[in-house]
Protein backbone atom coordinates (compact mmCIF):
# COMPACT_ATOMS: atom_id res chain seq x y z
CA UNK A 1 0.00 0.00 0.00
CA UNK A 2 1.35 3.42 -0.90
CA UNK A 3 1.83 5.98 1.87
CA UNK A 4 -0.59 8.39 0.18
CA UNK A 5 -3.46 5.93 0.33
CA UNK A 6 -2.93 4.91 3.96
CA UNK A 7 -5.00 7.77 5.39
CA UNK A 8 -7.87 6.95 3.06
CA UNK A 9 -7.66 3.31 4.11
CA UNK A 10 -7.63 4.30 7.77
CA UNK A 11 -10.74 6.46 7.32
CA UNK A 12 -12.53 3.68 5.41
CA UNK A 13 -11.66 1.15 8.12
CA UNK A 14 -12.91 3.57 10.78
CA UNK A 15 -16.21 3.94 8.93
CA UNK A 16 -16.60 0.15 8.70
CA UNK A 17 -15.98 -0.27 12.42
CA UNK A 18 -18.40 2.55 13.32
CA UNK A 19 -21.08 1.04 11.07
CA UNK A 20 -20.58 -2.35 12.68
CA UNK A 21 -21.05 -0.94 16.13
CA UNK A 22 -24.24 0.81 14.95
CA UNK A 23 -22.97 4.12 16.27
CA UNK A 24 -22.84 7.40 14.44
CA UNK A 25 -19.80 9.50 15.19
CA UNK A 26 -19.44 13.16 14.30
CA UNK A 27 -17.01 13.94 11.50
CA UNK A 28 -14.42 15.38 13.91
CA UNK A 29 -14.33 12.14 15.91
CA UNK A 30 -14.11 10.03 12.75
CA UNK A 31 -11.19 12.14 11.60
CA UNK A 32 -9.52 11.77 15.00
CA UNK A 33 -9.91 7.97 14.82
CA UNK A 34 -8.59 8.04 11.28
CA UNK A 35 -5.52 10.06 12.32
CA UNK A 36 -4.82 7.70 15.22
CA UNK A 37 -5.16 4.62 13.03
CA UNK A 38 -2.97 6.22 10.36
CA UNK A 39 -0.27 6.90 12.96
CA UNK A 40 -0.46 3.34 14.23
CA UNK A 41 -0.28 1.99 10.66
CA UNK A 42 2.82 4.07 9.95
CA UNK A 43 4.44 2.93 13.19
CA UNK A 44 3.72 -0.72 12.37
CA UNK A 45 4.88 -0.35 8.76
CA UNK A 46 8.16 1.15 9.89
CA UNK A 47 8.94 -1.68 12.26
CA UNK A 48 8.12 -4.79 10.22
CA UNK A 49 9.87 -6.71 7.48
CA UNK A 50 8.01 -7.10 4.20
CA UNK A 51 6.88 -10.62 5.06
CA UNK A 52 5.72 -9.65 8.55
CA UNK A 53 3.94 -6.65 7.06
CA UNK A 54 2.07 -8.84 4.59
CA UNK A 55 1.03 -11.19 7.40
CA UNK A 56 -0.07 -8.27 9.57
CA UNK A 57 -2.06 -6.74 6.71
CA UNK A 58 -3.78 -10.08 6.14
CA UNK A 59 -4.62 -10.36 9.84
CA UNK A 60 -5.98 -6.80 9.88
CA UNK A 61 -8.26 -7.57 6.94
CA UNK A 62 -9.41 -10.81 8.57
CA UNK A 63 -10.07 -8.94 11.82
CA UNK A 64 -12.77 -6.93 10.04
CA UNK A 65 -14.83 -10.11 10.22
CA UNK A 66 -16.47 -10.12 13.68
CA UNK A 67 -16.15 -13.93 13.79
CA UNK A 68 -12.37 -13.85 13.32
CA UNK A 69 -10.27 -14.05 16.48
CA UNK A 70 -6.51 -13.92 16.72
CA UNK A 71 -3.89 -12.84 19.21
CA UNK A 72 -2.51 -10.26 16.78
CA UNK A 73 -5.96 -8.73 16.23
CA UNK A 74 -6.58 -8.58 19.99
CA UNK A 75 -3.21 -6.93 20.63
CA UNK A 76 -3.86 -4.36 17.90
CA UNK A 77 -7.29 -3.59 19.36
CA UNK A 78 -5.66 -3.16 22.79
CA UNK A 79 -3.16 -0.73 21.28
CA UNK A 80 -5.96 1.19 19.57
CA UNK A 81 -7.82 1.45 22.88
CA UNK A 82 -4.62 2.67 24.57
CA UNK A 83 -4.17 5.33 21.87
CA UNK A 84 -7.76 6.50 22.28
CA UNK A 85 -7.40 6.69 26.05
CA UNK A 86 -4.16 8.67 25.87
CA UNK A 87 -5.42 11.14 23.24
PDB file of N, CA and C in Angstrom:
ATOM      1  N   UNK A   1       0.845  -1.163   0.000  1.00  0.00           N
ATOM      2  CA  UNK A   1       0.000   0.000   0.000  1.00  0.00           C
ATOM      3  C   UNK A   1       0.895   1.232   0.000  1.00  0.00           C
ATOM      4  N   UNK A   2       0.568   2.192  -0.843  1.00  0.00           N
ATOM      5  CA  UNK A   2       1.348   3.422  -0.899  1.00  0.00           C
ATOM      6  C   UNK A   2       1.036   4.297   0.306  1.00  0.00           C
ATOM      7  N   UNK A   3       2.025   5.108   0.712  1.00  0.00           N
ATOM      8  CA  UNK A   3       1.825   5.977   1.872  1.00  0.00           C
ATOM      9  C   UNK A   3       0.654   6.936   1.656  1.00  0.00           C
ATOM     10  N   UNK A   4       0.474   7.438   0.451  1.00  0.00           N
ATOM     11  CA  UNK A   4      -0.588   8.390   0.184  1.00  0.00           C
ATOM     12  C   UNK A   4      -1.979   7.820   0.379  1.00  0.00           C
ATOM     13  N   UNK A   5      -2.135   6.526   0.211  1.00  0.00           N
ATOM     14  CA  UNK A   5      -3.462   5.931   0.334  1.00  0.00           C
ATOM     15  C   UNK A   5      -3.744   5.418   1.737  1.00  0.00           C
ATOM     16  N   UNK A   6      -2.764   5.453   2.614  1.00  0.00           N
ATOM     17  CA  UNK A   6      -2.931   4.907   3.958  1.00  0.00           C
ATOM     18  C   UNK A   6      -3.987   5.671   4.769  1.00  0.00           C
ATOM     19  N   UNK A   7      -4.006   6.995   4.650  1.00  0.00           N
ATOM     20  CA  UNK A   7      -5.001   7.772   5.386  1.00  0.00           C
ATOM     21  C   UNK A   7      -6.406   7.464   4.906  1.00  0.00           C
ATOM     22  N   UNK A   8      -6.569   7.310   3.604  1.00  0.00           N
ATOM     23  CA  UNK A   8      -7.867   6.949   3.063  1.00  0.00           C
ATOM     24  C   UNK A   8      -8.302   5.582   3.551  1.00  0.00           C
ATOM     25  N   UNK A   9      -7.358   4.648   3.607  1.00  0.00           N
ATOM     26  CA  UNK A   9      -7.662   3.309   4.112  1.00  0.00           C
ATOM     27  C   UNK A   9      -8.044   3.368   5.585  1.00  0.00           C
ATOM     28  N   UNK A  10      -7.333   4.177   6.342  1.00  0.00           N
ATOM     29  CA  UNK A  10      -7.626   4.300   7.767  1.00  0.00           C
ATOM     30  C   UNK A  10      -9.029   4.866   7.980  1.00  0.00           C
ATOM     31  N   UNK A  11      -9.406   5.870   7.188  1.00  0.00           N
ATOM     32  CA  UNK A  11     -10.741   6.460   7.320  1.00  0.00           C
ATOM     33  C   UNK A  11     -11.812   5.456   6.921  1.00  0.00           C
ATOM     34  N   UNK A  12     -11.567   4.696   5.848  1.00  0.00           N
ATOM     35  CA  UNK A  12     -12.529   3.683   5.411  1.00  0.00           C
ATOM     36  C   UNK A  12     -12.692   2.612   6.479  1.00  0.00           C
ATOM     37  N   UNK A  13     -11.603   2.163   7.066  1.00  0.00           N
ATOM     38  CA  UNK A  13     -11.661   1.151   8.121  1.00  0.00           C
ATOM     39  C   UNK A  13     -12.418   1.690   9.329  1.00  0.00           C
ATOM     40  N   UNK A  14     -12.192   2.952   9.668  1.00  0.00           N
ATOM     41  CA  UNK A  14     -12.906   3.569  10.781  1.00  0.00           C
ATOM     42  C   UNK A  14     -14.403   3.581  10.510  1.00  0.00           C
ATOM     43  N   UNK A  15     -14.786   3.931   9.290  1.00  0.00           N
ATOM     44  CA  UNK A  15     -16.208   3.940   8.927  1.00  0.00           C
ATOM     45  C   UNK A  15     -16.815   2.547   9.054  1.00  0.00           C
ATOM     46  N   UNK A  16     -16.097   1.528   8.597  1.00  0.00           N
ATOM     47  CA  UNK A  16     -16.597   0.150   8.700  1.00  0.00           C
ATOM     48  C   UNK A  16     -16.820  -0.223  10.153  1.00  0.00           C
ATOM     49  N   UNK A  17     -15.854   0.083  11.013  1.00  0.00           N
ATOM     50  CA  UNK A  17     -15.979  -0.269  12.419  1.00  0.00           C
ATOM     51  C   UNK A  17     -17.125   0.491  13.084  1.00  0.00           C
ATOM     52  N   UNK A  18     -17.315   1.761  12.743  1.00  0.00           N
ATOM     53  CA  UNK A  18     -18.402   2.547  13.320  1.00  0.00           C
ATOM     54  C   UNK A  18     -19.744   1.975  12.862  1.00  0.00           C
ATOM     55  N   UNK A  19     -19.851   1.631  11.581  1.00  0.00           N
ATOM     56  CA  UNK A  19     -21.085   1.042  11.069  1.00  0.00           C
ATOM     57  C   UNK A  19     -21.402  -0.262  11.776  1.00  0.00           C
ATOM     58  N   UNK A  20     -20.386  -1.070  12.013  1.00  0.00           N
ATOM     59  CA  UNK A  20     -20.585  -2.354  12.683  1.00  0.00           C
ATOM     60  C   UNK A  20     -21.097  -2.182  14.096  1.00  0.00           C
ATOM     61  N   UNK A  21     -20.629  -1.155  14.755  1.00  0.00           N
ATOM     62  CA  UNK A  21     -21.047  -0.937  16.135  1.00  0.00           C
ATOM     63  C   UNK A  21     -22.385  -0.210  16.212  1.00  0.00           C
ATOM     64  N   UNK A  22     -22.950   0.127  15.043  1.00  0.00           N
ATOM     65  CA  UNK A  22     -24.236   0.809  14.947  1.00  0.00           C
ATOM     66  C   UNK A  22     -24.229   2.142  15.692  1.00  0.00           C
ATOM     67  N   UNK A  23     -23.093   2.808  15.654  1.00  0.00           N
ATOM     68  CA  UNK A  23     -22.969   4.118  16.268  1.00  0.00           C
ATOM     69  C   UNK A  23     -22.664   5.127  15.181  1.00  0.00           C
ATOM     70  N   UNK A  24     -23.144   6.310  15.371  1.00  0.00           N
ATOM     71  CA  UNK A  24     -22.843   7.397  14.443  1.00  0.00           C
ATOM     72  C   UNK A  24     -21.913   8.367  15.163  1.00  0.00           C
ATOM     73  N   UNK A  25     -20.754   8.563  14.602  1.00  0.00           N
ATOM     74  CA  UNK A  25     -19.798   9.501  15.191  1.00  0.00           C
ATOM     75  C   UNK A  25     -19.756  10.772  14.369  1.00  0.00           C
ATOM     76  N   UNK A  26     -19.605  11.899  15.032  1.00  0.00           N
ATOM     77  CA  UNK A  26     -19.440  13.159  14.304  1.00  0.00           C
ATOM     78  C   UNK A  26     -18.166  13.114  13.456  1.00  0.00           C
ATOM     79  N   UNK A  27     -18.148  13.914  12.423  1.00  0.00           N
ATOM     80  CA  UNK A  27     -17.015  13.938  11.504  1.00  0.00           C
ATOM     81  C   UNK A  27     -15.695  14.180  12.233  1.00  0.00           C
ATOM     82  N   UNK A  28     -15.665  15.081  13.186  1.00  0.00           N
ATOM     83  CA  UNK A  28     -14.422  15.380  13.911  1.00  0.00           C
ATOM     84  C   UNK A  28     -13.883  14.141  14.621  1.00  0.00           C
ATOM     85  N   UNK A  29     -14.774  13.355  15.225  1.00  0.00           N
ATOM     86  CA  UNK A  29     -14.330  12.143  15.908  1.00  0.00           C
ATOM     87  C   UNK A  29     -13.873  11.086  14.917  1.00  0.00           C
ATOM     88  N   UNK A  30     -14.553  10.979  13.781  1.00  0.00           N
ATOM     89  CA  UNK A  30     -14.113  10.027  12.751  1.00  0.00           C
ATOM     90  C   UNK A  30     -12.738  10.405  12.244  1.00  0.00           C
ATOM     91  N   UNK A  31     -12.509  11.686  12.059  1.00  0.00           N
ATOM     92  CA  UNK A  31     -11.188  12.138  11.597  1.00  0.00           C
ATOM     93  C   UNK A  31     -10.115  11.872  12.656  1.00  0.00           C
ATOM     94  N   UNK A  32     -10.472  12.052  13.926  1.00  0.00           N
ATOM     95  CA  UNK A  32      -9.522  11.766  15.005  1.00  0.00           C
ATOM     96  C   UNK A  32      -9.160  10.276  15.003  1.00  0.00           C
ATOM     97  N   UNK A  33     -10.166   9.416  14.879  1.00  0.00           N
ATOM     98  CA  UNK A  33      -9.905   7.973  14.822  1.00  0.00           C
ATOM     99  C   UNK A  33      -9.065   7.619  13.606  1.00  0.00           C
ATOM    100  N   UNK A  34      -9.361   8.272  12.494  1.00  0.00           N
ATOM    101  CA  UNK A  34      -8.593   8.036  11.283  1.00  0.00           C
ATOM    102  C   UNK A  34      -7.130   8.432  11.467  1.00  0.00           C
ATOM    103  N   UNK A  35      -6.900   9.593  12.090  1.00  0.00           N
ATOM    104  CA  UNK A  35      -5.525  10.056  12.322  1.00  0.00           C
ATOM    105  C   UNK A  35      -4.780   9.109  13.257  1.00  0.00           C
ATOM    106  N   UNK A  36      -5.458   8.637  14.303  1.00  0.00           N
ATOM    107  CA  UNK A  36      -4.821   7.698  15.223  1.00  0.00           C
ATOM    108  C   UNK A  36      -4.487   6.387  14.520  1.00  0.00           C
ATOM    109  N   UNK A  37      -5.422   5.883  13.709  1.00  0.00           N
ATOM    110  CA  UNK A  37      -5.159   4.616  13.030  1.00  0.00           C
ATOM    111  C   UNK A  37      -4.080   4.782  11.963  1.00  0.00           C
ATOM    112  N   UNK A  38      -4.022   5.959  11.321  1.00  0.00           N
ATOM    113  CA  UNK A  38      -2.966   6.222  10.356  1.00  0.00           C
ATOM    114  C   UNK A  38      -1.603   6.231  11.045  1.00  0.00           C
ATOM    115  N   UNK A  39      -1.532   6.878  12.209  1.00  0.00           N
ATOM    116  CA  UNK A  39      -0.271   6.905  12.960  1.00  0.00           C
ATOM    117  C   UNK A  39       0.173   5.520  13.385  1.00  0.00           C
ATOM    118  N   UNK A  40      -0.780   4.719  13.834  1.00  0.00           N
ATOM    119  CA  UNK A  40      -0.458   3.342  14.226  1.00  0.00           C
ATOM    120  C   UNK A  40       0.008   2.540  13.018  1.00  0.00           C
ATOM    121  N   UNK A  41      -0.673   2.713  11.876  1.00  0.00           N
ATOM    122  CA  UNK A  41      -0.279   1.993  10.661  1.00  0.00           C
ATOM    123  C   UNK A  41       1.135   2.368  10.236  1.00  0.00           C
ATOM    124  N   UNK A  42       1.464   3.636  10.317  1.00  0.00           N
ATOM    125  CA  UNK A  42       2.823   4.073   9.948  1.00  0.00           C
ATOM    126  C   UNK A  42       3.871   3.508  10.911  1.00  0.00           C
ATOM    127  N   UNK A  43       3.526   3.481  12.192  1.00  0.00           N
ATOM    128  CA  UNK A  43       4.443   2.925  13.189  1.00  0.00           C
ATOM    129  C   UNK A  43       4.673   1.442  12.926  1.00  0.00           C
ATOM    130  N   UNK A  44       3.607   0.722  12.655  1.00  0.00           N
ATOM    131  CA  UNK A  44       3.717  -0.715  12.372  1.00  0.00           C
ATOM    132  C   UNK A  44       4.522  -0.941  11.102  1.00  0.00           C
ATOM    133  N   UNK A  45       4.194  -0.184  10.042  1.00  0.00           N
ATOM    134  CA  UNK A  45       4.878  -0.354   8.757  1.00  0.00           C
ATOM    135  C   UNK A  45       6.378  -0.107   8.881  1.00  0.00           C
ATOM    136  N   UNK A  46       6.750   0.835   9.733  1.00  0.00           N
ATOM    137  CA  UNK A  46       8.163   1.154   9.891  1.00  0.00           C
ATOM    138  C   UNK A  46       8.947   0.145  10.712  1.00  0.00           C
ATOM    139  N   UNK A  47       8.242  -0.757  11.372  1.00  0.00           N
ATOM    140  CA  UNK A  47       8.944  -1.681  12.256  1.00  0.00           C
ATOM    141  C   UNK A  47       8.907  -3.129  11.796  1.00  0.00           C
ATOM    142  N   UNK A  48       8.257  -3.402  10.663  1.00  0.00           N
ATOM    143  CA  UNK A  48       8.118  -4.794  10.224  1.00  0.00           C
ATOM    144  C   UNK A  48       8.866  -5.058   8.929  1.00  0.00           C
ATOM    145  N   UNK A  49       9.308  -6.284   8.766  1.00  0.00           N
ATOM    146  CA  UNK A  49       9.866  -6.709   7.482  1.00  0.00           C
ATOM    147  C   UNK A  49       8.719  -6.819   6.481  1.00  0.00           C
ATOM    148  N   UNK A  50       9.046  -6.983   5.221  1.00  0.00           N
ATOM    149  CA  UNK A  50       8.012  -7.095   4.198  1.00  0.00           C
ATOM    150  C   UNK A  50       7.093  -8.281   4.490  1.00  0.00           C
ATOM    151  N   UNK A  51       7.672  -9.424   4.811  1.00  0.00           N
ATOM    152  CA  UNK A  51       6.881 -10.622   5.059  1.00  0.00           C
ATOM    153  C   UNK A  51       5.974 -10.452   6.282  1.00  0.00           C
ATOM    154  N   UNK A  52       6.520  -9.885   7.340  1.00  0.00           N
ATOM    155  CA  UNK A  52       5.725  -9.652   8.548  1.00  0.00           C
ATOM    156  C   UNK A  52       4.628  -8.624   8.269  1.00  0.00           C
ATOM    157  N   UNK A  53       4.937  -7.640   7.441  1.00  0.00           N
ATOM    158  CA  UNK A  53       3.941  -6.651   7.060  1.00  0.00           C
ATOM    159  C   UNK A  53       2.799  -7.257   6.272  1.00  0.00           C
ATOM    160  N   UNK A  54       3.121  -8.165   5.361  1.00  0.00           N
ATOM    161  CA  UNK A  54       2.074  -8.844   4.592  1.00  0.00           C
ATOM    162  C   UNK A  54       1.187  -9.678   5.511  1.00  0.00           C
ATOM    163  N   UNK A  55       1.797 -10.380   6.450  1.00  0.00           N
ATOM    164  CA  UNK A  55       1.029 -11.187   7.399  1.00  0.00           C
ATOM    165  C   UNK A  55       0.127 -10.292   8.259  1.00  0.00           C
ATOM    166  N   UNK A  56       0.686  -9.186   8.732  1.00  0.00           N
ATOM    167  CA  UNK A  56      -0.075  -8.268   9.573  1.00  0.00           C
ATOM    168  C   UNK A  56      -1.238  -7.660   8.798  1.00  0.00           C
ATOM    169  N   UNK A  57      -0.991  -7.281   7.549  1.00  0.00           N
ATOM    170  CA  UNK A  57      -2.060  -6.745   6.715  1.00  0.00           C
ATOM    171  C   UNK A  57      -3.168  -7.765   6.538  1.00  0.00           C
ATOM    172  N   UNK A  58      -2.788  -9.005   6.284  1.00  0.00           N
ATOM    173  CA  UNK A  58      -3.781 -10.078   6.140  1.00  0.00           C
ATOM    174  C   UNK A  58      -4.594 -10.227   7.427  1.00  0.00           C
ATOM    175  N   UNK A  59      -3.923 -10.225   8.561  1.00  0.00           N
ATOM    176  CA  UNK A  59      -4.620 -10.359   9.844  1.00  0.00           C
ATOM    177  C   UNK A  59      -5.553  -9.178  10.094  1.00  0.00           C
ATOM    178  N   UNK A  60      -5.135  -7.979   9.704  1.00  0.00           N
ATOM    179  CA  UNK A  60      -5.984  -6.801   9.885  1.00  0.00           C
ATOM    180  C   UNK A  60      -7.244  -6.913   9.030  1.00  0.00           C
ATOM    181  N   UNK A  61      -7.092  -7.394   7.805  1.00  0.00           N
ATOM    182  CA  UNK A  61      -8.262  -7.569   6.941  1.00  0.00           C
ATOM    183  C   UNK A  61      -9.183  -8.656   7.495  1.00  0.00           C
ATOM    184  N   UNK A  62      -8.605  -9.737   7.979  1.00  0.00           N
ATOM    185  CA  UNK A  62      -9.410 -10.810   8.569  1.00  0.00           C
ATOM    186  C   UNK A  62     -10.124 -10.326   9.830  1.00  0.00           C
ATOM    187  N   UNK A  63      -9.492  -9.440  10.568  1.00  0.00           N
ATOM    188  CA  UNK A  63     -10.070  -8.940  11.819  1.00  0.00           C
ATOM    189  C   UNK A  63     -11.319  -8.098  11.582  1.00  0.00           C
ATOM    190  N   UNK A  64     -11.543  -7.655  10.345  1.00  0.00           N
ATOM    191  CA  UNK A  64     -12.768  -6.926  10.035  1.00  0.00           C
ATOM    192  C   UNK A  64     -13.983  -7.845  10.136  1.00  0.00           C
ATOM    193  N   UNK A  65     -13.750  -9.142  10.046  1.00  0.00           N
ATOM    194  CA  UNK A  65     -14.833 -10.113  10.224  1.00  0.00           C
ATOM    195  C   UNK A  65     -15.048 -10.304  11.723  1.00  0.00           C
ATOM    196  N   UNK A  66     -16.240 -10.017  12.236  1.00  0.00           N
ATOM    197  CA  UNK A  66     -16.466 -10.119  13.681  1.00  0.00           C
ATOM    198  C   UNK A  66     -16.304 -11.550  14.222  1.00  0.00           C
ATOM    199  N   UNK A  67     -16.325 -12.543  13.348  1.00  0.00           N
ATOM    200  CA  UNK A  67     -16.148 -13.933  13.791  1.00  0.00           C
ATOM    201  C   UNK A  67     -14.688 -14.349  13.856  1.00  0.00           C
ATOM    202  N   UNK A  68     -13.803 -13.529  13.331  1.00  0.00           N
ATOM    203  CA  UNK A  68     -12.371 -13.849  13.324  1.00  0.00           C
ATOM    204  C   UNK A  68     -11.752 -13.459  14.660  1.00  0.00           C
ATOM    205  N   UNK A  69     -10.943 -14.327  15.209  1.00  0.00           N
ATOM    206  CA  UNK A  69     -10.271 -14.051  16.477  1.00  0.00           C
ATOM    207  C   UNK A  69      -8.817 -14.480  16.366  1.00  0.00           C
ATOM    208  N   UNK A  70      -7.930 -13.575  16.711  1.00  0.00           N
ATOM    209  CA  UNK A  70      -6.510 -13.917  16.716  1.00  0.00           C
ATOM    210  C   UNK A  70      -5.792 -13.075  17.762  1.00  0.00           C
ATOM    211  N   UNK A  71      -4.675 -13.567  18.210  1.00  0.00           N
ATOM    212  CA  UNK A  71      -3.888 -12.840  19.211  1.00  0.00           C
ATOM    213  C   UNK A  71      -3.406 -11.506  18.652  1.00  0.00           C
ATOM    214  N   UNK A  72      -2.985 -11.498  17.392  1.00  0.00           N
ATOM    215  CA  UNK A  72      -2.510 -10.260  16.778  1.00  0.00           C
ATOM    216  C   UNK A  72      -3.636  -9.235  16.710  1.00  0.00           C
ATOM    217  N   UNK A  73      -4.820  -9.660  16.301  1.00  0.00           N
ATOM    218  CA  UNK A  73      -5.956  -8.733  16.228  1.00  0.00           C
ATOM    219  C   UNK A  73      -6.298  -8.181  17.610  1.00  0.00           C
ATOM    220  N   UNK A  74      -6.287  -9.042  18.623  1.00  0.00           N
ATOM    221  CA  UNK A  74      -6.580  -8.575  19.987  1.00  0.00           C
ATOM    222  C   UNK A  74      -5.531  -7.582  20.463  1.00  0.00           C
ATOM    223  N   UNK A  75      -4.264  -7.851  20.185  1.00  0.00           N
ATOM    224  CA  UNK A  75      -3.210  -6.931  20.633  1.00  0.00           C
ATOM    225  C   UNK A  75      -3.307  -5.594  19.899  1.00  0.00           C
ATOM    226  N   UNK A  76      -3.693  -5.609  18.631  1.00  0.00           N
ATOM    227  CA  UNK A  76      -3.861  -4.358  17.899  1.00  0.00           C
ATOM    228  C   UNK A  76      -5.057  -3.578  18.432  1.00  0.00           C
ATOM    229  N   UNK A  77      -6.133  -4.269  18.775  1.00  0.00           N
ATOM    230  CA  UNK A  77      -7.287  -3.592  19.362  1.00  0.00           C
ATOM    231  C   UNK A  77      -6.916  -2.981  20.716  1.00  0.00           C
ATOM    232  N   UNK A  78      -6.122  -3.697  21.499  1.00  0.00           N
ATOM    233  CA  UNK A  78      -5.662  -3.158  22.785  1.00  0.00           C
ATOM    234  C   UNK A  78      -4.832  -1.896  22.583  1.00  0.00           C
ATOM    235  N   UNK A  79      -3.969  -1.908  21.566  1.00  0.00           N
ATOM    236  CA  UNK A  79      -3.156  -0.732  21.279  1.00  0.00           C
ATOM    237  C   UNK A  79      -4.027   0.424  20.805  1.00  0.00           C
ATOM    238  N   UNK A  80      -5.032   0.141  20.011  1.00  0.00           N
ATOM    239  CA  UNK A  80      -5.963   1.191  19.572  1.00  0.00           C
ATOM    240  C   UNK A  80      -6.691   1.795  20.762  1.00  0.00           C
ATOM    241  N   UNK A  81      -7.135   0.953  21.676  1.00  0.00           N
ATOM    242  CA  UNK A  81      -7.820   1.447  22.877  1.00  0.00           C
ATOM    243  C   UNK A  81      -6.872   2.311  23.707  1.00  0.00           C
ATOM    244  N   UNK A  82      -5.615   1.886  23.818  1.00  0.00           N
ATOM    245  CA  UNK A  82      -4.620   2.667  24.565  1.00  0.00           C
ATOM    246  C   UNK A  82      -4.423   4.036  23.916  1.00  0.00           C
ATOM    247  N   UNK A  83      -4.332   4.068  22.572  1.00  0.00           N
ATOM    248  CA  UNK A  83      -4.170   5.331  21.872  1.00  0.00           C
ATOM    249  C   UNK A  83      -5.359   6.252  22.085  1.00  0.00           C
ATOM    250  N   UNK A  84      -6.560   5.693  22.047  1.00  0.00           N
ATOM    251  CA  UNK A  84      -7.763   6.505  22.278  1.00  0.00           C
ATOM    252  C   UNK A  84      -7.786   7.063  23.685  1.00  0.00           C
ATOM    253  N   UNK A  85      -7.401   6.249  24.661  1.00  0.00           N
ATOM    254  CA  UNK A  85      -7.398   6.686  26.050  1.00  0.00           C
ATOM    255  C   UNK A  85      -6.362   7.770  26.317  1.00  0.00           C
ATOM    256  N   UNK A  86      -5.237   7.704  25.614  1.00  0.00           N
ATOM    257  CA  UNK A  86      -4.160   8.667  25.868  1.00  0.00           C
ATOM    258  C   UNK A  86      -4.351   9.959  25.076  1.00  0.00           C
ATOM    259  N   UNK A  87      -5.235   9.953  24.096  1.00  0.00           N
ATOM    260  CA  UNK A  87      -5.424  11.138  23.244  1.00  0.00           C
ATOM    261  C   UNK A  87      -6.344  12.148  23.873  1.00  0.00           C
TER     262      UNK A  87
END
